[in-house]
Each structure stands twice: as structure tokens, then as C-alpha cells.
C-alpha atoms as a PDB file:
ATOM      1  CA  MET A   1     131.829 -47.874  59.782  1.00  0.00           C
ATOM      2  CA  HIS A   2     133.834 -50.747  58.383  1.00  0.00           C
ATOM      3  CA  PHE A   3     137.624 -50.805  58.439  1.00  0.00           C
ATOM      4  CA  ALA A   4     139.811 -52.764  56.070  1.00  0.00           C
ATOM      5  CA  ARG A   5     141.039 -56.081  57.342  1.00  0.00           C
ATOM      6  CA  PRO A   6     144.837 -56.541  57.907  1.00  0.00           C
ATOM      7  CA  GLY A   7     145.094 -58.678  54.778  1.00  0.00           C
ATOM      8  CA  GLN A   8     143.463 -55.956  52.689  1.00  0.00           C
ATOM      9  CA  LEU A   9     145.809 -53.288  54.097  1.00  0.00           C
ATOM     10  CA  ILE A  10     148.852 -55.416  53.305  1.00  0.00           C
ATOM     11  CA  ALA A  11     147.571 -56.001  49.760  1.00  0.00           C
ATOM     12  CA  MET A  12     146.970 -52.258  49.255  1.00  0.00           C
ATOM     13  CA  ILE A  13     150.457 -51.384  50.511  1.00  0.00           C
ATOM     14  CA  PHE A  14     152.007 -54.032  48.261  1.00  0.00           C
ATOM     15  CA  VAL A  15     150.126 -52.867  45.140  1.00  0.00           C
ATOM     16  CA  TRP A  16     150.896 -49.195  45.820  1.00  0.00           C
ATOM     17  CA  THR A  17     154.611 -49.962  46.367  1.00  0.00           C
ATOM     18  CA  LEU A  18     154.678 -51.965  43.143  1.00  0.00           C
ATOM     19  CA  CYS A  19     153.135 -49.043  41.250  1.00  0.00           C
ATOM     20  CA  LEU A  20     155.707 -46.604  42.638  1.00  0.00           C
ATOM     21  CA  VAL A  21     158.612 -48.904  41.756  1.00  0.00           C
ATOM     22  CA  ALA A  22     157.233 -49.443  38.240  1.00  0.00           C
ATOM     23  CA  TYR A  23     156.864 -45.692  37.665  1.00  0.00           C
ATOM     24  CA  ASP A  24     160.381 -45.029  38.976  1.00  0.00           C
ATOM     25  CA  GLN A  25     161.782 -47.722  36.679  1.00  0.00           C
ATOM     26  CA  HIS A  26     159.906 -46.219  33.725  1.00  0.00           C
ATOM     27  CA  ALA A  27     161.208 -42.696  34.478  1.00  0.00           C
ATOM     28  CA  ASN A  28     164.775 -43.846  35.236  1.00  0.00           C
ATOM     29  CA  PRO A  29     165.463 -47.260  33.630  1.00  0.00           C
ATOM     30  CA  ARG A  30     168.292 -49.332  35.153  1.00  0.00           C
ATOM     31  CA  SER A  31     169.193 -52.914  35.868  1.00  0.00           C
ATOM     32  CA  PHE A  32     167.943 -54.709  38.962  1.00  0.00           C
ATOM     33  CA  ALA A  33     171.487 -54.828  40.394  1.00  0.00           C
ATOM     34  CA  THR A  34     171.825 -51.050  40.019  1.00  0.00           C
ATOM     35  CA  TYR A  35     168.370 -50.499  41.477  1.00  0.00           C
ATOM     36  CA  TRP A  36     169.189 -52.674  44.487  1.00  0.00           C
ATOM     37  CA  ALA A  37     172.485 -50.838  45.039  1.00  0.00           C
ATOM     38  CA  GLU A  38     170.607 -47.538  44.872  1.00  0.00           C
ATOM     39  CA  PHE A  39     168.004 -48.857  47.312  1.00  0.00           C
ATOM     40  CA  ARG A  40     170.774 -49.740  49.747  1.00  0.00           C
ATOM     41  CA  GLY A  41     172.288 -46.281  49.238  1.00  0.00           C
ATOM     42  CA  SER A  42     175.699 -47.406  48.034  1.00  0.00           C
ATOM     43  CA  SER A  43     177.299 -47.367  44.595  1.00  0.00           C
ATOM     44  CA  THR A  44     174.914 -45.073  42.699  1.00  0.00           C
ATOM     45  CA  ARG A  45     175.252 -42.050  44.938  1.00  0.00           C
ATOM     46  CA  PRO A  46     176.443 -39.041  42.930  1.00  0.00           C
ATOM     47  CA  THR A  47     180.166 -38.441  42.746  1.00  0.00           C
ATOM     48  CA  VAL A  48     180.882 -35.069  44.340  1.00  0.00           C
ATOM     49  CA  VAL A  49     183.807 -32.758  44.810  1.00  0.00           C
ATOM     50  CA  SER A  50     184.721 -30.456  47.676  1.00  0.00           C
ATOM     51  CA  GLU A  51     183.235 -26.979  47.781  1.00  0.00           C
ATOM     52  CA  GLY A  52     186.654 -25.308  47.617  1.00  0.00           C
ATOM     53  CA  ASP A  53     187.643 -26.997  44.375  1.00  0.00           C
ATOM     54  CA  THR A  54     188.371 -25.071  41.168  1.00  0.00           C
ATOM     55  CA  PRO A  55     186.615 -25.571  37.800  1.00  0.00           C
ATOM     56  CA  ARG A  56     188.357 -28.312  35.887  1.00  0.00           C
ATOM     57  CA  VAL A  57     187.982 -30.918  33.151  1.00  0.00           C
ATOM     58  CA  LYS A  58     189.301 -34.462  33.401  1.00  0.00           C
ATOM     59  CA  LEU A  59     189.676 -36.522  30.232  1.00  0.00           C
ATOM     60  CA  SER A  60     189.823 -40.300  30.328  1.00  0.00           C
ATOM     61  CA  MET A  61     191.619 -41.490  27.178  1.00  0.00           C
ATOM     62  CA  PRO A  62     191.471 -45.243  26.446  1.00  0.00           C
ATOM     63  CA  HIS A  63     194.467 -44.837  24.117  1.00  0.00           C
ATOM     64  CA  LEU A  64     197.304 -42.745  25.513  1.00  0.00           C
ATOM     65  CA  CYS A  65     200.372 -44.924  25.140  1.00  0.00           C
ATOM     66  CA  CYS A  66     203.251 -42.501  24.650  1.00  0.00           C
ATOM     67  CA  SER A  67     204.425 -38.900  24.536  1.00  0.00           C
ATOM     68  CA  GLY A  68     203.354 -38.677  20.876  1.00  0.00           C
ATOM     69  CA  CYS A  69     199.696 -39.230  21.813  1.00  0.00           C
ATOM     70  CA  LEU A  70     199.957 -36.715  24.641  1.00  0.00           C
ATOM     71  CA  ASN A  71     201.654 -34.088  22.482  1.00  0.00           C
ATOM     72  CA  GLU A  72     198.918 -34.388  19.827  1.00  0.00           C
ATOM     73  CA  ILE A  73     196.240 -33.785  22.444  1.00  0.00           C
ATOM     74  CA  ARG A  74     198.098 -30.810  23.889  1.00  0.00           C
ATOM     75  CA  ALA A  75     198.535 -29.295  20.424  1.00  0.00           C
ATOM     76  CA  ALA A  76     194.846 -29.814  19.589  1.00  0.00           C
ATOM     77  CA  LEU A  77     193.676 -28.142  22.810  1.00  0.00           C
ATOM     78  CA  LYS A  78     196.151 -25.243  22.703  1.00  0.00           C
ATOM     79  CA  PRO A  79     193.799 -22.952  20.672  1.00  0.00           C
ATOM     80  CA  LEU A  80     191.199 -23.247  23.464  1.00  0.00           C
ATOM     81  CA  ALA A  81     192.500 -20.302  25.495  1.00  0.00           C
ATOM     82  CA  TRP A  82     189.943 -20.857  28.251  1.00  0.00           C
ATOM     83  CA  LEU A  83     191.759 -24.067  29.234  1.00  0.00           C
ATOM     84  CA  ALA A  84     195.033 -24.326  31.128  1.00  0.00           C
ATOM     85  CA  PRO A  85     197.760 -26.572  29.658  1.00  0.00           C
ATOM     86  CA  ALA A  86     196.970 -30.269  29.958  1.00  0.00           C
ATOM     87  CA  ARG A  87     198.702 -32.265  32.658  1.00  0.00           C
ATOM     88  CA  LEU A  88     198.693 -35.966  33.372  1.00  0.00           C
ATOM     89  CA  VAL A  89     197.065 -37.244  36.530  1.00  0.00           C
ATOM     90  CA  LYS A  90     199.827 -39.877  36.571  1.00  0.00           C
ATOM     91  CA  GLU A  91     202.963 -39.936  34.457  1.00  0.00           C
ATOM     92  CA  LEU A  92     203.002 -42.165  31.403  1.00  0.00           C
ATOM     93  CA  PRO A  93     205.404 -45.104  31.224  1.00  0.00           C
ATOM     94  CA  THR A  94     208.845 -43.977  30.051  1.00  0.00           C
ATOM     95  CA  THR A  95     208.304 -44.967  26.432  1.00  0.00           C
ATOM     96  CA  GLU A  96     208.918 -42.613  23.533  1.00  0.00           C
ATOM     97  CA  ILE A  97     207.864 -42.967  19.898  1.00  0.00           C
ATOM     98  CA  GLY A  98     210.520 -44.864  17.999  1.00  0.00           C
ATOM     99  CA  ALA A  99     212.229 -46.165  21.131  1.00  0.00           C
ATOM    100  CA  GLU A 100     213.821 -49.433  20.237  1.00  0.00           C
ATOM    101  CA  SER A 101     215.181 -52.249  22.240  1.00  0.00           C
ATOM    102  CA  ALA A 102     218.613 -53.750  21.703  1.00  0.00           C
ATOM    103  CA  GLY A 103     217.120 -56.267  19.277  1.00  0.00           C
ATOM    104  CA  GLY A 104     215.860 -53.469  17.020  1.00  0.00           C
ATOM    105  CA  SER A 105     212.133 -53.876  17.733  1.00  0.00           C
ATOM    106  CA  GLU A 106     209.913 -51.233  19.242  1.00  0.00           C
ATOM    107  CA  THR A 107     209.436 -51.561  22.987  1.00  0.00           C
ATOM    108  CA  PRO A 108     205.750 -51.519  23.999  1.00  0.00           C
ATOM    109  CA  PRO A 109     204.734 -49.689  27.141  1.00  0.00           C
ATOM    110  CA  PRO A 110     204.056 -51.851  30.188  1.00  0.00           C
ATOM    111  CA  ALA A 111     200.421 -52.848  30.588  1.00  0.00           C
ATOM    112  CA  ALA A 112     198.333 -51.534  33.449  1.00  0.00           C
ATOM    113  CA  THR A 113     198.294 -54.016  36.283  1.00  0.00           C
ATOM    114  CA  SER A 114     195.720 -52.438  38.567  1.00  0.00           C
ATOM    115  CA  ALA A 115     192.909 -49.887  38.680  1.00  0.00           C
ATOM    116  CA  GLU A 116     195.413 -47.322  39.953  1.00  0.00           C
ATOM    117  CA  ASP A 117     197.601 -47.802  36.881  1.00  0.00           C
ATOM    118  CA  SER A 118     194.685 -46.817  34.637  1.00  0.00           C
ATOM    119  CA  THR A 119     195.022 -43.201  35.861  1.00  0.00           C
ATOM    120  CA  ALA A 120     198.011 -42.939  33.506  1.00  0.00           C
ATOM    121  CA  ASN A 121     195.326 -42.410  30.823  1.00  0.00           C
ATOM    122  CA  GLU A 122     193.740 -39.425  32.588  1.00  0.00           C
ATOM    123  CA  ILE A 123     194.447 -35.814  31.606  1.00  0.00           C
ATOM    124  CA  GLU A 124     193.377 -32.873  33.758  1.00  0.00           C
ATOM    125  CA  LEU A 125     192.901 -29.257  32.670  1.00  0.00           C
ATOM    126  CA  GLU A 126     191.829 -26.291  34.761  1.00  0.00           C
ATOM    127  CA  ILE A 127     189.163 -23.994  33.311  1.00  0.00           C
ATOM    128  CA  LEU A 128     190.657 -20.492  33.306  1.00  0.00           C
ATOM    129  CA  ASP A 129     187.736 -18.546  31.784  1.00  0.00           C
ATOM    130  CA  LEU A 130     184.418 -20.227  32.519  1.00  0.00           C
ATOM    131  CA  PRO A 131     182.164 -17.793  30.555  1.00  0.00           C
ATOM    132  CA  ARG A 132     184.148 -18.531  27.367  1.00  0.00           C
ATOM    133  CA  ALA A 133     184.162 -22.295  27.823  1.00  0.00           C
ATOM    134  CA  ASP A 134     182.409 -24.268  25.073  1.00  0.00           C
ATOM    135  CA  PHE A 135     182.754 -28.008  25.574  1.00  0.00           C
ATOM    136  CA  SER A 136     181.521 -28.873  22.098  1.00  0.00           C
ATOM    137  CA  LEU A 137     184.773 -27.286  20.804  1.00  0.00           C
ATOM    138  CA  LEU A 138     186.747 -29.417  23.243  1.00  0.00           C
ATOM    139  CA  ASP A 139     185.007 -32.575  22.068  1.00  0.00           C
ATOM    140  CA  GLN A 140     185.552 -31.667  18.397  1.00  0.00           C
ATOM    141  CA  ALA A 141     189.237 -30.898  18.937  1.00  0.00           C
ATOM    142  CA  LEU A 142     189.789 -34.291  20.560  1.00  0.00           C
ATOM    143  CA  HIS A 143     187.964 -36.140  17.768  1.00  0.00           C
ATOM    144  CA  ASP A 144     190.075 -34.323  15.168  1.00  0.00           C
ATOM    145  CA  THR A 145     193.196 -35.938  16.652  1.00  0.00           C
ATOM    146  CA  GLY A 146     191.737 -39.401  16.072  1.00  0.00           C
ATOM    147  CA  LEU A 147     191.790 -40.050  19.839  1.00  0.00           C
ATOM    148  CA  VAL A 148     188.412 -40.330  21.554  1.00  0.00           C
ATOM    149  CA  PRO A 149     187.798 -39.967  25.306  1.00  0.00           C
ATOM    150  CA  ASP A 150     185.460 -42.348  27.090  1.00  0.00           C
ATOM    151  CA  ARG A 151     184.810 -39.746  29.812  1.00  0.00           C
ATOM    152  CA  ILE A 152     184.876 -35.932  29.828  1.00  0.00           C
ATOM    153  CA  GLU A 153     184.263 -34.998  33.451  1.00  0.00           C
ATOM    154  CA  VAL A 154     183.517 -31.395  34.440  1.00  0.00           C
ATOM    155  CA  SER A 155     183.600 -30.491  38.119  1.00  0.00           C
ATOM    156  CA  GLY A 156     184.600 -27.962  40.757  1.00  0.00           C
ATOM    157  CA  MET A 157     181.760 -25.458  40.369  1.00  0.00           C
ATOM    158  CA  GLY A 158     179.344 -26.305  43.155  1.00  0.00           C
ATOM    159  CA  HIS A 159     175.852 -25.658  41.818  1.00  0.00           C
ATOM    160  CA  PHE A 160     175.834 -25.181  38.047  1.00  0.00           C
ATOM    161  CA  ARG A 161     173.875 -25.941  34.906  1.00  0.00           C
ATOM    162  CA  LEU A 162     174.675 -26.754  31.287  1.00  0.00           C
ATOM    163  CA  GLU A 163     173.176 -24.728  28.452  1.00  0.00           C
ATOM    164  CA  VAL A 164     173.022 -26.919  25.341  1.00  0.00           C
ATOM    165  CA  GLU A 165     172.290 -25.232  22.039  1.00  0.00           C
ATOM    166  CA  LEU A 166     170.322 -27.457  19.650  1.00  0.00           C
ATOM    167  CA  PRO A 167     170.067 -25.763  16.221  1.00  0.00           C
ATOM    168  CA  HIS A 168     167.418 -28.216  15.010  1.00  0.00           C
ATOM    169  CA  LEU A 169     164.451 -27.245  17.143  1.00  0.00           C
ATOM    170  CA  CYS A 170     162.364 -26.072  14.216  1.00  0.00           C
ATOM    171  CA  CYS A 171     158.847 -27.087  15.239  1.00  0.00           C
ATOM    172  CA  LYS A 172     156.625 -28.407  17.999  1.00  0.00           C
ATOM    173  CA  VAL A 173     157.397 -32.016  17.023  1.00  0.00           C
ATOM    174  CA  CYS A 174     161.126 -31.408  17.619  1.00  0.00           C
ATOM    175  CA  SER A 175     160.375 -29.774  20.950  1.00  0.00           C
ATOM    176  CA  ARG A 176     158.138 -32.652  21.956  1.00  0.00           C
ATOM    177  CA  ALA A 177     160.908 -35.112  21.042  1.00  0.00           C
ATOM    178  CA  VAL A 178     163.237 -33.314  23.437  1.00  0.00           C
ATOM    179  CA  ASP A 179     160.602 -33.227  26.169  1.00  0.00           C
ATOM    180  CA  ASP A 180     159.582 -36.855  25.722  1.00  0.00           C
ATOM    181  CA  GLN A 181     162.942 -38.496  25.040  1.00  0.00           C
ATOM    182  CA  LEU A 182     165.941 -36.495  26.208  1.00  0.00           C
ATOM    183  CA  GLU A 183     165.149 -36.385  29.920  1.00  0.00           C
ATOM    184  CA  ARG A 184     164.400 -40.126  29.975  1.00  0.00           C
ATOM    185  CA  LEU A 185     167.602 -40.918  28.063  1.00  0.00           C
ATOM    186  CA  LEU A 186     169.678 -38.697  30.348  1.00  0.00           C
ATOM    187  CA  ARG A 187     168.346 -40.455  33.424  1.00  0.00           C
ATOM    188  CA  LYS A 188     169.156 -43.787  31.821  1.00  0.00           C
ATOM    189  CA  GLU A 189     172.704 -42.744  30.828  1.00  0.00           C
ATOM    190  CA  THR A 190     173.631 -41.011  34.082  1.00  0.00           C
ATOM    191  CA  GLN A 191     172.030 -43.573  36.417  1.00  0.00           C
ATOM    192  CA  GLY A 192     171.345 -40.816  38.946  1.00  0.00           C
ATOM    193  CA  ARG A 193     174.996 -39.792  39.247  1.00  0.00           C
ATOM    194  CA  TRP A 194     174.691 -36.107  38.301  1.00  0.00           C
ATOM    195  CA  PHE A 195     171.522 -35.300  36.320  1.00  0.00           C
ATOM    196  CA  ASP A 196     168.850 -33.462  38.304  1.00  0.00           C
ATOM    197  CA  SER A 197     166.371 -31.877  35.867  1.00  0.00           C
ATOM    198  CA  MET A 198     166.087 -29.999  32.570  1.00  0.00           C
ATOM    199  CA  THR A 199     164.100 -27.246  30.891  1.00  0.00           C
ATOM    200  CA  MET A 200     163.781 -26.238  27.240  1.00  0.00           C
ATOM    201  CA  ASN A 201     163.582 -22.855  25.557  1.00  0.00           C
ATOM    202  CA  HIS A 202     162.130 -23.272  22.071  1.00  0.00           C
ATOM    203  CA  VAL A 203     162.755 -19.615  21.150  1.00  0.00           C
ATOM    204  CA  LYS A 204     166.470 -19.698  22.021  1.00  0.00           C
ATOM    205  CA  LYS A 205     166.746 -23.335  20.818  1.00  0.00           C
ATOM    206  CA  THR A 206     168.455 -24.365  24.017  1.00  0.00           C
ATOM    207  CA  VAL A 207     168.076 -27.020  26.677  1.00  0.00           C
ATOM    208  CA  THR A 208     169.216 -26.189  30.198  1.00  0.00           C
ATOM    209  CA  ILE A 209     170.390 -29.219  32.157  1.00  0.00           C
ATOM    210  CA  TYR A 210     170.698 -28.861  35.920  1.00  0.00           C
ATOM    211  CA  ALA A 211     173.407 -30.857  37.678  1.00  0.00           C
ATOM    212  CA  ARG A 212     173.257 -31.983  41.266  1.00  0.00           C
ATOM    213  CA  MET A 213     175.148 -29.963  43.859  1.00  0.00           C
ATOM    214  CA  ASN A 214     178.939 -30.488  43.628  1.00  0.00           C
ATOM    215  CA  ALA A 215     178.426 -33.274  41.076  1.00  0.00           C
ATOM    216  CA  VAL A 216     180.999 -34.491  38.560  1.00  0.00           C
ATOM    217  CA  VAL A 217     179.287 -34.210  35.157  1.00  0.00           C
ATOM    218  CA  ASP A 218     180.296 -36.603  32.375  1.00  0.00           C
ATOM    219  CA  LEU A 219     179.733 -34.888  29.027  1.00  0.00           C
ATOM    220  CA  VAL A 220     180.165 -38.173  27.148  1.00  0.00           C
ATOM    221  CA  GLU A 221     176.946 -39.364  28.786  1.00  0.00           C
ATOM    222  CA  LEU A 222     175.248 -36.137  27.690  1.00  0.00           C
ATOM    223  CA  HIS A 223     176.376 -36.572  24.062  1.00  0.00           C
ATOM    224  CA  LYS A 224     175.222 -40.212  24.058  1.00  0.00           C
ATOM    225  CA  ALA A 225     171.759 -39.213  25.260  1.00  0.00           C
ATOM    226  CA  LEU A 226     171.554 -36.430  22.660  1.00  0.00           C
ATOM    227  CA  ALA A 227     172.589 -38.820  19.876  1.00  0.00           C
ATOM    228  CA  GLN A 228     170.003 -41.404  20.931  1.00  0.00           C
ATOM    229  CA  ALA A 229     167.355 -38.685  20.849  1.00  0.00           C
ATOM    230  CA  GLY A 230     168.544 -37.722  17.356  1.00  0.00           C
ATOM    231  CA  PHE A 231     170.183 -34.366  18.150  1.00  0.00           C
ATOM    232  CA  SER A 232     173.675 -32.870  17.998  1.00  0.00           C
ATOM    233  CA  ALA A 233     174.757 -29.974  20.197  1.00  0.00           C
ATOM    234  CA  HIS A 234     176.079 -26.819  18.540  1.00  0.00           C
ATOM    235  CA  SER A 235     177.499 -25.638  21.854  1.00  0.00           C
ATOM    236  CA  VAL A 236     177.639 -26.814  25.467  1.00  0.00           C
ATOM    237  CA  ARG A 237     178.322 -24.094  28.029  1.00  0.00           C
ATOM    238  CA  VAL A 238     178.433 -23.982  31.816  1.00  0.00           C
ATOM    239  CA  LEU A 239     176.320 -21.401  33.613  1.00  0.00           C
ATOM    240  CA  THR A 240     176.638 -20.498  37.296  1.00  0.00           C
ATOM    241  CA  GLY A 241     174.900 -17.993  39.507  1.00  0.00           C
ATOM    242  CA  PRO A 242     171.238 -16.920  39.437  1.00  0.00           C
ATOM    243  CA  GLU A 243     169.145 -17.312  36.317  1.00  0.00           C
ATOM    244  CA  SER A 244     167.919 -14.191  34.539  1.00  0.00           C
END
């Protein structure tokens, strides 16, 4: 019986490791810096919340400069009875629409000077009735105001899944596009932060997306992946508990 020489064993280990890394990069594309951070177990670990938290949505609004912007958002979300009234994570600068300085010109709000100041652009809403929640309606209501969030974070539900209704799943080619593209695009968008796995139901025309335990799910990342795959969601709902 002949055993492999040490050099051959090292070469086999190296080639096998290279194949595993290449497959992982193909399944979950990311930059080398992100990959190295993930390898070291640091910045790409999923963001989680405590188990005793309550279901909530946090909106990050790049433009939220005054009470007028905030009032428009509150008015747009008021018809969504499954949401509690919006509240700011941090109070806005004391600047009202039409406020004028002594010289007669409008006074701009002070600029954010640190990462902490940026929380003045974050709005939080508790989810009062989870079975009625449809986050596609939330996204549409925000877009109708002309103000677009760069993050829509859903959290506080422990282990949950998203049921995404895709009206245009008319044939096997459409289904294959979801199977072949959507999971890969979701892994690319989320960078391992919250996406765990997904399944598709061609009869119901839905995709079920499983989030990691206690993860904070960013629905903007979901919509970006859907758009890149060529689909638009008719509804996005949160499901908890056992599957039927």
C-alpha cells in the first residue's frame, strides 16, 4: 500500500480549500474585504434583537429635515391601522417650515456632525396587528409622499419568515428565474446579515423567505433583489409559528 507524500497531501488540501472558497463566493458573492471580515467573524455577523422585543419597523429616511417632512410621513401611514403612530428615534432639530432668521432668509437645520446625529432621520413604529401587516403597502405609502427610505428594518419577532406574493409566476421559465436568480441576489444584497433560505410555491405564486433567528430584516434589500431578478411584489407579509 502506498500513502501520499506530505507534499501531495498539502496540495490536495490546498486545491480542495480553493474549490470550497470558490463555490461559496459563487453562491454568496461579496468583496474580498467583506469575505475576510466574515472569515474573522466580525462585521458581517447578523444583527439581532433581544428575545423579549416587540414587533416593530424602523425607517431610515435620508431626507427628514423638518416637521413638515415628518407630518407628511405620519399622514401617509395613518391609514395603515396595523401600525402604531410613528415616533422619532431622536428628535429633529428645532426647525419649522417657514422659520426665518432675523435677516428674512430661511434657517437651515444644523447638519449632522456624527454617526449618532444621523439617528434624527430614523422613525420607529410598533406593529400592532401582525397578521394584517402588508409591507408592500407601507413601501407604497412612503413612495407616494415623495420621500424614499434607504432602510426598512423589521425586527422583534424571533423566528419568522416573509411570504412574498409574486403575481407574475405564469410558467416554468418564471419559476426557474426565481429559483436560479432570486436566492443568489438575496445572498448578495444581504451579505449574510439576515437571509437564511427560501422556498417557492408556484401554485400560490408566492416565495417564502426565511430569516435568521432574531435577525433584523431590511426590506429595501429584498425589493432590490426582486427588482434585479425582474419581479415586483404584490404583497410582503410576516408569518410566525409553525407552517401548515
